[in-house]
PDB file of N, CA and C in Angstrom:
ATOM      1  N   UNK A   1      95.581  88.629  -0.304  1.00  0.00           N
ATOM      2  CA  UNK A   1      95.458  87.279  -0.575  1.00  0.00           C
ATOM      3  C   UNK A   1      95.655  86.381   0.755  1.00  0.00           C
ATOM      4  N   UNK A   2      94.870  85.375   0.960  1.00  0.00           N
ATOM      5  CA  UNK A   2      94.850  84.662   2.166  1.00  0.00           C
ATOM      6  C   UNK A   2      95.995  83.922   2.272  1.00  0.00           C
ATOM      7  N   UNK A   3      96.535  83.853   3.489  1.00  0.00           N
ATOM      8  CA  UNK A   3      97.938  82.755   3.733  1.00  0.00           C
ATOM      9  C   UNK A   3      97.221  81.760   4.862  1.00  0.00           C
ATOM     10  N   UNK A   4      97.730  80.599   4.706  1.00  0.00           N
ATOM     11  CA  UNK A   4      97.525  79.559   5.434  1.00  0.00           C
ATOM     12  C   UNK A   4      98.897  79.091   5.821  1.00  0.00           C
ATOM     13  N   UNK A   5      99.098  78.858   7.288  1.00  0.00           N
ATOM     14  CA  UNK A   5     100.629  78.245   7.667  1.00  0.00           C
ATOM     15  C   UNK A   5     100.281  77.558   9.000  1.00  0.00           C
ATOM     16  N   UNK A   6     100.945  76.576   9.025  1.00  0.00           N
ATOM     17  CA  UNK A   6     101.253  75.761  10.281  1.00  0.00           C
ATOM     18  C   UNK A   6     102.532  75.650  10.584  1.00  0.00           C
ATOM     19  N   UNK A   7     102.778  75.656  11.712  1.00  0.00           N
ATOM     20  CA  UNK A   7     104.067  75.557  12.322  1.00  0.00           C
ATOM     21  C   UNK A   7     104.595  74.006  12.454  1.00  0.00           C
ATOM     22  N   UNK A   8     105.303  73.801  11.412  1.00  0.00           N
ATOM     23  CA  UNK A   8     105.506  72.263  11.233  1.00  0.00           C
ATOM     24  C   UNK A   8     106.930  71.972  12.174  1.00  0.00           C
ATOM     25  N   UNK A   9     106.691  70.568  13.016  1.00  0.00           N
ATOM     26  CA  UNK A   9     107.678  70.237  13.615  1.00  0.00           C
ATOM     27  C   UNK A   9     108.872  69.674  12.922  1.00  0.00           C
ATOM     28  N   UNK A  10     109.991  69.598  13.516  1.00  0.00           N
ATOM     29  CA  UNK A  10     111.107  68.916  12.783  1.00  0.00           C
ATOM     30  C   UNK A  10     110.755  67.466  12.343  1.00  0.00           C
ATOM     31  N   UNK A  11     111.301  67.114  11.017  1.00  0.00           N
ATOM     32  CA  UNK A  11     110.950  65.774  10.693  1.00  0.00           C
ATOM     33  C   UNK A  11     111.278  64.829  11.546  1.00  0.00           C
ATOM     34  N   UNK A  12     110.365  63.940  11.680  1.00  0.00           N
ATOM     35  CA  UNK A  12     110.774  62.638  12.561  1.00  0.00           C
ATOM     36  C   UNK A  12     110.297  62.813  14.220  1.00  0.00           C
ATOM     37  N   UNK A  13     109.766  63.855  14.563  1.00  0.00           N
ATOM     38  CA  UNK A  13     109.705  64.142  16.016  1.00  0.00           C
ATOM     39  C   UNK A  13     108.021  63.918  16.236  1.00  0.00           C
ATOM     40  N   UNK A  14     107.214  63.676  15.042  1.00  0.00           N
ATOM     41  CA  UNK A  14     105.790  63.654  15.562  1.00  0.00           C
ATOM     42  C   UNK A  14     105.303  62.610  14.598  1.00  0.00           C
ATOM     43  N   UNK A  15     104.375  61.850  15.040  1.00  0.00           N
ATOM     44  CA  UNK A  15     103.688  60.703  14.433  1.00  0.00           C
ATOM     45  C   UNK A  15     102.967  61.367  13.263  1.00  0.00           C
ATOM     46  N   UNK A  16     102.574  60.587  12.372  1.00  0.00           N
ATOM     47  CA  UNK A  16     101.809  60.950  10.990  1.00  0.00           C
ATOM     48  C   UNK A  16     100.437  61.576  11.423  1.00  0.00           C
ATOM     49  N   UNK A  17      99.779  60.824  12.440  1.00  0.00           N
ATOM     50  CA  UNK A  17      98.439  61.030  12.789  1.00  0.00           C
ATOM     51  C   UNK A  17      98.376  62.385  13.531  1.00  0.00           C
ATOM     52  N   UNK A  18      99.432  62.680  14.336  1.00  0.00           N
ATOM     53  CA  UNK A  18      99.522  63.788  15.076  1.00  0.00           C
ATOM     54  C   UNK A  18      99.666  65.092  14.281  1.00  0.00           C
ATOM     55  N   UNK A  19     100.439  64.992  13.120  1.00  0.00           N
ATOM     56  CA  UNK A  19     100.846  65.815  12.234  1.00  0.00           C
ATOM     57  C   UNK A  19      99.442  66.151  11.479  1.00  0.00           C
ATOM     58  N   UNK A  20      98.777  65.389  11.183  1.00  0.00           N
ATOM     59  CA  UNK A  20      97.262  65.230  10.520  1.00  0.00           C
ATOM     60  C   UNK A  20      96.356  66.072  11.242  1.00  0.00           C
ATOM     61  N   UNK A  21      96.386  65.754  12.689  1.00  0.00           N
ATOM     62  CA  UNK A  21      95.565  66.527  13.416  1.00  0.00           C
ATOM     63  C   UNK A  21      95.959  67.928  13.607  1.00  0.00           C
ATOM     64  N   UNK A  22      97.250  68.033  13.624  1.00  0.00           N
ATOM     65  CA  UNK A  22      97.637  69.583  13.917  1.00  0.00           C
ATOM     66  C   UNK A  22      97.147  70.325  12.573  1.00  0.00           C
ATOM     67  N   UNK A  23      97.566  69.537  11.510  1.00  0.00           N
ATOM     68  CA  UNK A  23      97.194  70.572  10.076  1.00  0.00           C
ATOM     69  C   UNK A  23      95.510  70.783  10.080  1.00  0.00           C
ATOM     70  N   UNK A  24      94.877  69.864  10.529  1.00  0.00           N
ATOM     71  CA  UNK A  24      93.556  69.781  10.282  1.00  0.00           C
ATOM     72  C   UNK A  24      92.917  70.875  11.294  1.00  0.00           C
ATOM     73  N   UNK A  25      93.461  70.909  12.550  1.00  0.00           N
ATOM     74  CA  UNK A  25      93.052  72.119  13.699  1.00  0.00           C
ATOM     75  C   UNK A  25      93.460  73.518  12.955  1.00  0.00           C
ATOM     76  N   UNK A  26      94.724  73.469  12.276  1.00  0.00           N
ATOM     77  CA  UNK A  26      95.338  74.942  11.813  1.00  0.00           C
ATOM     78  C   UNK A  26      93.899  75.185  10.573  1.00  0.00           C
ATOM     79  N   UNK A  27      93.547  74.177   9.806  1.00  0.00           N
ATOM     80  CA  UNK A  27      92.710  74.516   8.834  1.00  0.00           C
ATOM     81  C   UNK A  27      91.298  74.920   9.341  1.00  0.00           C
ATOM     82  N   UNK A  28      90.889  74.239  10.411  1.00  0.00           N
ATOM     83  CA  UNK A  28      89.651  74.551  11.141  1.00  0.00           C
ATOM     84  C   UNK A  28      89.739  76.099  11.528  1.00  0.00           C
ATOM     85  N   UNK A  29      90.787  76.356  12.139  1.00  0.00           N
ATOM     86  CA  UNK A  29      90.998  77.776  12.909  1.00  0.00           C
ATOM     87  C   UNK A  29      90.842  78.711  11.664  1.00  0.00           C
ATOM     88  N   UNK A  30      91.626  78.282  10.584  1.00  0.00           N
ATOM     89  CA  UNK A  30      91.669  79.216   9.450  1.00  0.00           C
ATOM     90  C   UNK A  30      90.424  79.620   8.831  1.00  0.00           C
ATOM     91  N   UNK A  31      89.708  78.629   8.702  1.00  0.00           N
ATOM     92  CA  UNK A  31      88.202  78.697   8.217  1.00  0.00           C
ATOM     93  C   UNK A  31      87.229  79.388   9.397  1.00  0.00           C
ATOM     94  N   UNK A  32      87.727  79.815  10.398  1.00  0.00           N
ATOM     95  CA  UNK A  32      86.951  80.431  11.582  1.00  0.00           C
ATOM     96  C   UNK A  32      86.480  79.516  12.925  1.00  0.00           C
ATOM     97  N   UNK A  33      86.678  78.181  12.645  1.00  0.00           N
ATOM     98  CA  UNK A  33      86.390  77.545  13.773  1.00  0.00           C
ATOM     99  C   UNK A  33      84.917  77.176  14.351  1.00  0.00           C
ATOM    100  N   UNK A  34      84.237  77.635  13.330  1.00  0.00           N
ATOM    101  CA  UNK A  34      82.678  77.327  13.831  1.00  0.00           C
ATOM    102  C   UNK A  34      82.007  77.351  12.399  1.00  0.00           C
ATOM    103  N   UNK A  35      80.806  76.749  12.552  1.00  0.00           N
ATOM    104  CA  UNK A  35      79.790  76.638  11.514  1.00  0.00           C
ATOM    105  C   UNK A  35      79.348  78.020  11.115  1.00  0.00           C
ATOM    106  N   UNK A  36      79.380  78.311   9.720  1.00  0.00           N
ATOM    107  CA  UNK A  36      79.032  79.569   9.103  1.00  0.00           C
ATOM    108  C   UNK A  36      77.734  80.016   9.209  1.00  0.00           C
ATOM    109  N   UNK A  37      76.743  79.033   9.332  1.00  0.00           N
ATOM    110  CA  UNK A  37      75.264  79.191   9.474  1.00  0.00           C
ATOM    111  C   UNK A  37      75.063  79.326  11.013  1.00  0.00           C
ATOM    112  N   UNK A  38      75.213  78.578  11.857  1.00  0.00           N
ATOM    113  CA  UNK A  38      74.647  78.712  13.149  1.00  0.00           C
ATOM    114  C   UNK A  38      75.648  78.848  14.336  1.00  0.00           C
ATOM    115  N   UNK A  39      76.883  78.739  14.114  1.00  0.00           N
ATOM    116  CA  UNK A  39      77.848  79.132  14.842  1.00  0.00           C
ATOM    117  C   UNK A  39      78.390  77.921  15.845  1.00  0.00           C
ATOM    118  N   UNK A  40      78.014  76.806  15.573  1.00  0.00           N
ATOM    119  CA  UNK A  40      78.274  75.864  16.416  1.00  0.00           C
ATOM    120  C   UNK A  40      79.807  75.354  16.170  1.00  0.00           C
ATOM    121  N   UNK A  41      80.517  74.982  17.357  1.00  0.00           N
ATOM    122  CA  UNK A  41      81.826  74.726  17.097  1.00  0.00           C
ATOM    123  C   UNK A  41      82.406  73.162  17.393  1.00  0.00           C
ATOM    124  N   UNK A  42      81.199  72.362  17.405  1.00  0.00           N
ATOM    125  CA  UNK A  42      81.321  70.902  17.393  1.00  0.00           C
ATOM    126  C   UNK A  42      80.755  70.087  16.174  1.00  0.00           C
ATOM    127  N   UNK A  43      81.177  68.924  15.955  1.00  0.00           N
ATOM    128  CA  UNK A  43      80.735  68.179  14.723  1.00  0.00           C
ATOM    129  C   UNK A  43      80.580  69.045  13.609  1.00  0.00           C
ATOM    130  N   UNK A  44      81.726  69.608  13.199  1.00  0.00           N
ATOM    131  CA  UNK A  44      81.739  70.246  12.165  1.00  0.00           C
ATOM    132  C   UNK A  44      82.286  69.556  10.797  1.00  0.00           C
ATOM    133  N   UNK A  45      82.193  69.861   9.582  1.00  0.00           N
ATOM    134  CA  UNK A  45      82.544  69.060   8.383  1.00  0.00           C
ATOM    135  C   UNK A  45      82.917  70.273   7.446  1.00  0.00           C
ATOM    136  N   UNK A  46      83.717  69.725   6.536  1.00  0.00           N
ATOM    137  CA  UNK A  46      84.220  70.542   5.521  1.00  0.00           C
ATOM    138  C   UNK A  46      83.073  70.478   4.209  1.00  0.00           C
ATOM    139  N   UNK A  47      82.614  71.645   3.786  1.00  0.00           N
ATOM    140  CA  UNK A  47      81.646  71.791   2.888  1.00  0.00           C
ATOM    141  C   UNK A  47      82.172  72.563   1.496  1.00  0.00           C
ATOM    142  N   UNK A  48      81.844  71.893   0.302  1.00  0.00           N
ATOM    143  CA  UNK A  48      82.153  72.557  -0.579  1.00  0.00           C
ATOM    144  C   UNK A  48      81.299  73.648  -0.954  1.00  0.00           C
ATOM    145  N   UNK A  49      81.518  74.948  -1.344  1.00  0.00           N
ATOM    146  CA  UNK A  49      80.730  76.104  -1.427  1.00  0.00           C
ATOM    147  C   UNK A  49      79.815  75.723  -2.535  1.00  0.00           C
ATOM    148  N   UNK A  50      80.417  75.342  -3.736  1.00  0.00           N
ATOM    149  CA  UNK A  50      79.689  75.146  -4.878  1.00  0.00           C
ATOM    150  C   UNK A  50      78.961  73.925  -4.983  1.00  0.00           C
ATOM    151  N   UNK A  51      79.056  73.036  -4.189  1.00  0.00           N
ATOM    152  CA  UNK A  51      78.097  71.978  -3.983  1.00  0.00           C
ATOM    153  C   UNK A  51      78.839  70.463  -4.732  1.00  0.00           C
ATOM    154  N   UNK A  52      80.094  70.832  -5.346  1.00  0.00           N
ATOM    155  CA  UNK A  52      80.350  69.785  -6.197  1.00  0.00           C
ATOM    156  C   UNK A  52      82.030  69.960  -6.274  1.00  0.00           C
ATOM    157  N   UNK A  53      82.453  68.624  -6.395  1.00  0.00           N
ATOM    158  CA  UNK A  53      84.057  68.676  -6.321  1.00  0.00           C
ATOM    159  C   UNK A  53      84.366  67.529  -7.412  1.00  0.00           C
ATOM    160  N   UNK A  54      85.530  67.385  -7.747  1.00  0.00           N
ATOM    161  CA  UNK A  54      85.931  66.641  -8.820  1.00  0.00           C
ATOM    162  C   UNK A  54      86.601  65.379  -8.336  1.00  0.00           C
ATOM    163  N   UNK A  55      86.538  64.997  -6.961  1.00  0.00           N
ATOM    164  CA  UNK A  55      87.144  64.040  -6.318  1.00  0.00           C
ATOM    165  C   UNK A  55      86.191  63.255  -5.198  1.00  0.00           C
ATOM    166  N   UNK A  56      86.403  61.855  -4.892  1.00  0.00           N
ATOM    167  CA  UNK A  56      85.586  61.260  -3.939  1.00  0.00           C
ATOM    168  C   UNK A  56      86.405  61.315  -2.566  1.00  0.00           C
ATOM    169  N   UNK A  57      86.101  61.878  -1.526  1.00  0.00           N
ATOM    170  CA  UNK A  57      86.926  61.861  -0.262  1.00  0.00           C
ATOM    171  C   UNK A  57      87.090  60.432   0.291  1.00  0.00           C
ATOM    172  N   UNK A  58      86.134  59.623  -0.125  1.00  0.00           N
ATOM    173  CA  UNK A  58      86.495  58.191   0.240  1.00  0.00           C
ATOM    174  C   UNK A  58      87.414  57.407  -0.265  1.00  0.00           C
ATOM    175  N   UNK A  59      88.046  57.925  -1.460  1.00  0.00           N
ATOM    176  CA  UNK A  59      88.993  57.181  -2.363  1.00  0.00           C
ATOM    177  C   UNK A  59      90.180  57.947  -2.175  1.00  0.00           C
ATOM    178  N   UNK A  60      90.234  59.033  -1.450  1.00  0.00           N
ATOM    179  CA  UNK A  60      91.658  59.764  -1.247  1.00  0.00           C
ATOM    180  C   UNK A  60      92.090  59.580   0.210  1.00  0.00           C
ATOM    181  N   UNK A  61      93.321  59.390   0.287  1.00  0.00           N
ATOM    182  CA  UNK A  61      94.022  59.125   1.917  1.00  0.00           C
ATOM    183  C   UNK A  61      93.837  60.574   2.481  1.00  0.00           C
ATOM    184  N   UNK A  62      93.767  60.418   3.761  1.00  0.00           N
ATOM    185  CA  UNK A  62      93.435  61.566   4.520  1.00  0.00           C
ATOM    186  C   UNK A  62      94.176  62.751   4.478  1.00  0.00           C
ATOM    187  N   UNK A  63      95.657  62.377   4.281  1.00  0.00           N
ATOM    188  CA  UNK A  63      96.610  63.435   4.463  1.00  0.00           C
ATOM    189  C   UNK A  63      96.469  64.211   3.031  1.00  0.00           C
ATOM    190  N   UNK A  64      96.422  63.556   1.818  1.00  0.00           N
ATOM    191  CA  UNK A  64      96.224  64.259   0.701  1.00  0.00           C
ATOM    192  C   UNK A  64      94.798  65.025   0.546  1.00  0.00           C
ATOM    193  N   UNK A  65      93.613  64.242   1.197  1.00  0.00           N
ATOM    194  CA  UNK A  65      92.422  64.927   1.226  1.00  0.00           C
ATOM    195  C   UNK A  65      92.522  66.247   1.991  1.00  0.00           C
ATOM    196  N   UNK A  66      93.264  66.258   3.068  1.00  0.00           N
ATOM    197  CA  UNK A  66      93.415  67.708   3.905  1.00  0.00           C
ATOM    198  C   UNK A  66      94.148  68.700   3.074  1.00  0.00           C
ATOM    199  N   UNK A  67      95.255  68.266   2.283  1.00  0.00           N
ATOM    200  CA  UNK A  67      95.960  69.061   1.178  1.00  0.00           C
ATOM    201  C   UNK A  67      94.994  69.719   0.247  1.00  0.00           C
ATOM    202  N   UNK A  68      94.136  69.050  -0.298  1.00  0.00           N
ATOM    203  CA  UNK A  68      93.087  69.324  -1.161  1.00  0.00           C
ATOM    204  C   UNK A  68      92.289  70.393  -0.391  1.00  0.00           C
ATOM    205  N   UNK A  69      91.726  70.054   0.730  1.00  0.00           N
ATOM    206  CA  UNK A  69      90.787  70.938   1.413  1.00  0.00           C
ATOM    207  C   UNK A  69      91.319  72.326   1.559  1.00  0.00           C
ATOM    208  N   UNK A  70      92.680  72.134   2.017  1.00  0.00           N
ATOM    209  CA  UNK A  70      93.569  73.334   2.196  1.00  0.00           C
ATOM    210  C   UNK A  70      93.793  74.488   0.985  1.00  0.00           C
ATOM    211  N   UNK A  71      93.914  73.689  -0.171  1.00  0.00           N
ATOM    212  CA  UNK A  71      93.911  74.555  -1.415  1.00  0.00           C
ATOM    213  C   UNK A  71      92.493  75.133  -1.795  1.00  0.00           C
ATOM    214  N   UNK A  72      91.593  74.378  -1.525  1.00  0.00           N
ATOM    215  CA  UNK A  72      90.197  74.740  -1.811  1.00  0.00           C
ATOM    216  C   UNK A  72      89.900  76.006  -0.666  1.00  0.00           C
ATOM    217  N   UNK A  73      90.235  75.902   0.574  1.00  0.00           N
ATOM    218  CA  UNK A  73      89.941  77.044   1.439  1.00  0.00           C
ATOM    219  C   UNK A  73      90.606  78.130   0.904  1.00  0.00           C
ATOM    220  N   UNK A  74      91.741  78.234   0.709  1.00  0.00           N
ATOM    221  CA  UNK A  74      92.497  79.333  -0.039  1.00  0.00           C
ATOM    222  C   UNK A  74      91.876  80.014  -1.108  1.00  0.00           C
ATOM    223  N   UNK A  75      90.927  79.212  -1.997  1.00  0.00           N
ATOM    224  CA  UNK A  75      90.542  79.601  -3.156  1.00  0.00           C
ATOM    225  C   UNK A  75      89.010  80.101  -2.953  1.00  0.00           C
ATOM    226  N   UNK A  76      88.609  80.204  -1.724  1.00  0.00           N
ATOM    227  CA  UNK A  76      87.206  80.112  -1.324  1.00  0.00           C
ATOM    228  C   UNK A  76      86.328  79.392  -1.688  1.00  0.00           C
ATOM    229  N   UNK A  77      86.485  78.126  -1.856  1.00  0.00           N
ATOM    230  CA  UNK A  77      85.782  76.990  -2.106  1.00  0.00           C
ATOM    231  C   UNK A  77      85.308  76.148  -1.299  1.00  0.00           C
ATOM    232  N   UNK A  78      85.707  76.417  -0.079  1.00  0.00           N
ATOM    233  CA  UNK A  78      85.274  75.619   1.125  1.00  0.00           C
ATOM    234  C   UNK A  78      84.780  76.245   2.518  1.00  0.00           C
ATOM    235  N   UNK A  79      83.922  75.891   3.254  1.00  0.00           N
ATOM    236  CA  UNK A  79      83.514  76.439   4.627  1.00  0.00           C
ATOM    237  C   UNK A  79      83.175  75.337   5.382  1.00  0.00           C
ATOM    238  N   UNK A  80      83.008  75.727   6.730  1.00  0.00           N
ATOM    239  CA  UNK A  80      82.878  74.817   7.879  1.00  0.00           C
ATOM    240  C   UNK A  80      81.311  74.826   7.917  1.00  0.00           C
ATOM    241  N   UNK A  81      80.769  73.720   8.068  1.00  0.00           N
ATOM    242  CA  UNK A  81      79.248  73.604   8.244  1.00  0.00           C
ATOM    243  C   UNK A  81      79.309  72.483   9.532  1.00  0.00           C
ATOM    244  N   UNK A  82      78.418  72.653  10.561  1.00  0.00           N
ATOM    245  CA  UNK A  82      78.221  71.602  11.429  1.00  0.00           C
ATOM    246  C   UNK A  82      77.331  70.452  10.709  1.00  0.00           C
ATOM    247  N   UNK A  83      77.283  69.442  11.249  1.00  0.00           N
ATOM    248  CA  UNK A  83      76.477  68.257  10.533  1.00  0.00           C
ATOM    249  C   UNK A  83      75.151  68.639  10.257  1.00  0.00           C
ATOM    250  N   UNK A  84      74.329  69.263  11.269  1.00  0.00           N
ATOM    251  CA  UNK A  84      72.964  69.502  11.160  1.00  0.00           C
ATOM    252  C   UNK A  84      72.824  70.457  10.038  1.00  0.00           C
ATOM    253  N   UNK A  85      73.505  71.466   9.686  1.00  0.00           N
ATOM    254  CA  UNK A  85      73.343  72.456   8.787  1.00  0.00           C
ATOM    255  C   UNK A  85      73.728  72.040   7.344  1.00  0.00           C
ATOM    256  N   UNK A  86      74.770  71.320   7.275  1.00  0.00           N
ATOM    257  CA  UNK A  86      75.179  70.364   6.228  1.00  0.00           C
ATOM    258  C   UNK A  86      73.979  69.445   5.655  1.00  0.00           C
ATOM    259  N   UNK A  87      73.461  68.851   6.781  1.00  0.00           N
ATOM    260  CA  UNK A  87      72.161  68.058   6.337  1.00  0.00           C
ATOM    261  C   UNK A  87      71.001  68.797   5.869  1.00  0.00           C
ATOM    262  N   UNK A  88      70.810  69.874   6.364  1.00  0.00           N
ATOM    263  CA  UNK A  88      69.659  70.760   6.032  1.00  0.00           C
ATOM    264  C   UNK A  88      70.016  71.217   4.593  1.00  0.00           C
ATOM    265  N   UNK A  89      71.336  71.504   4.337  1.00  0.00           N
ATOM    266  CA  UNK A  89      71.576  72.110   3.088  1.00  0.00           C
ATOM    267  C   UNK A  89      71.214  70.970   1.956  1.00  0.00           C
ATOM    268  N   UNK A  90      71.245  69.508   2.183  1.00  0.00           N
ATOM    269  CA  UNK A  90      70.819  68.703   1.229  1.00  0.00           C
ATOM    270  C   UNK A  90      71.963  68.073   0.763  1.00  0.00           C
ATOM    271  N   UNK A  91      73.254  68.337   1.042  1.00  0.00           N
ATOM    272  CA  UNK A  91      74.633  67.610   0.470  1.00  0.00           C
ATOM    273  C   UNK A  91      74.968  66.565   1.820  1.00  0.00           C
ATOM    274  N   UNK A  92      75.408  65.574   1.472  1.00  0.00           N
ATOM    275  CA  UNK A  92      75.917  64.714   2.535  1.00  0.00           C
ATOM    276  C   UNK A  92      77.207  65.278   2.945  1.00  0.00           C
ATOM    277  N   UNK A  93      77.681  65.156   4.333  1.00  0.00           N
ATOM    278  CA  UNK A  93      78.870  65.533   4.662  1.00  0.00           C
ATOM    279  C   UNK A  93      80.107  65.258   3.808  1.00  0.00           C
ATOM    280  N   UNK A  94      80.942  65.964   3.825  1.00  0.00           N
ATOM    281  CA  UNK A  94      82.107  65.853   2.941  1.00  0.00           C
ATOM    282  C   UNK A  94      83.122  64.659   3.161  1.00  0.00           C
ATOM    283  N   UNK A  95      83.258  64.868   4.694  1.00  0.00           N
ATOM    284  CA  UNK A  95      84.084  63.977   5.358  1.00  0.00           C
ATOM    285  C   UNK A  95      83.482  62.923   6.157  1.00  0.00           C
ATOM    286  N   UNK A  96      83.823  61.674   6.331  1.00  0.00           N
ATOM    287  CA  UNK A  96      83.093  60.696   7.095  1.00  0.00           C
ATOM    288  C   UNK A  96      82.893  60.975   8.475  1.00  0.00           C
ATOM    289  N   UNK A  97      84.219  61.776   9.194  1.00  0.00           N
ATOM    290  CA  UNK A  97      84.306  62.053  10.412  1.00  0.00           C
ATOM    291  C   UNK A  97      83.912  63.496  10.651  1.00  0.00           C
ATOM    292  N   UNK A  98      83.087  63.505  11.649  1.00  0.00           N
ATOM    293  CA  UNK A  98      82.680  64.846  12.072  1.00  0.00           C
ATOM    294  C   UNK A  98      83.653  65.275  13.418  1.00  0.00           C
ATOM    295  N   UNK A  99      84.198  66.559  13.422  1.00  0.00           N
ATOM    296  CA  UNK A  99      85.060  66.781  14.527  1.00  0.00           C
ATOM    297  C   UNK A  99      84.698  68.109  15.328  1.00  0.00           C
TER     298      UNK A  99
END
């Protein structure tokens, strides 16, 4: 069974944005840190393997969206693709921001 873990700081010691960035970096590392097609390490997007999701990322707060992505990654439903490979696949990037 896959395990996903972040080293959480003590409550109140880190801003929400910093905590979000830390969790996102941990999820990227958990997923291999590079595009599964070409190996690029920049401009990555979270991609749903099945090509379908039950929610709209533009309507879900970024913190909750990251929680959903984490759950999907643990269930082998999520992969990292660079924006170029994601575009070639035919789906729009799952997240507005590429990192």
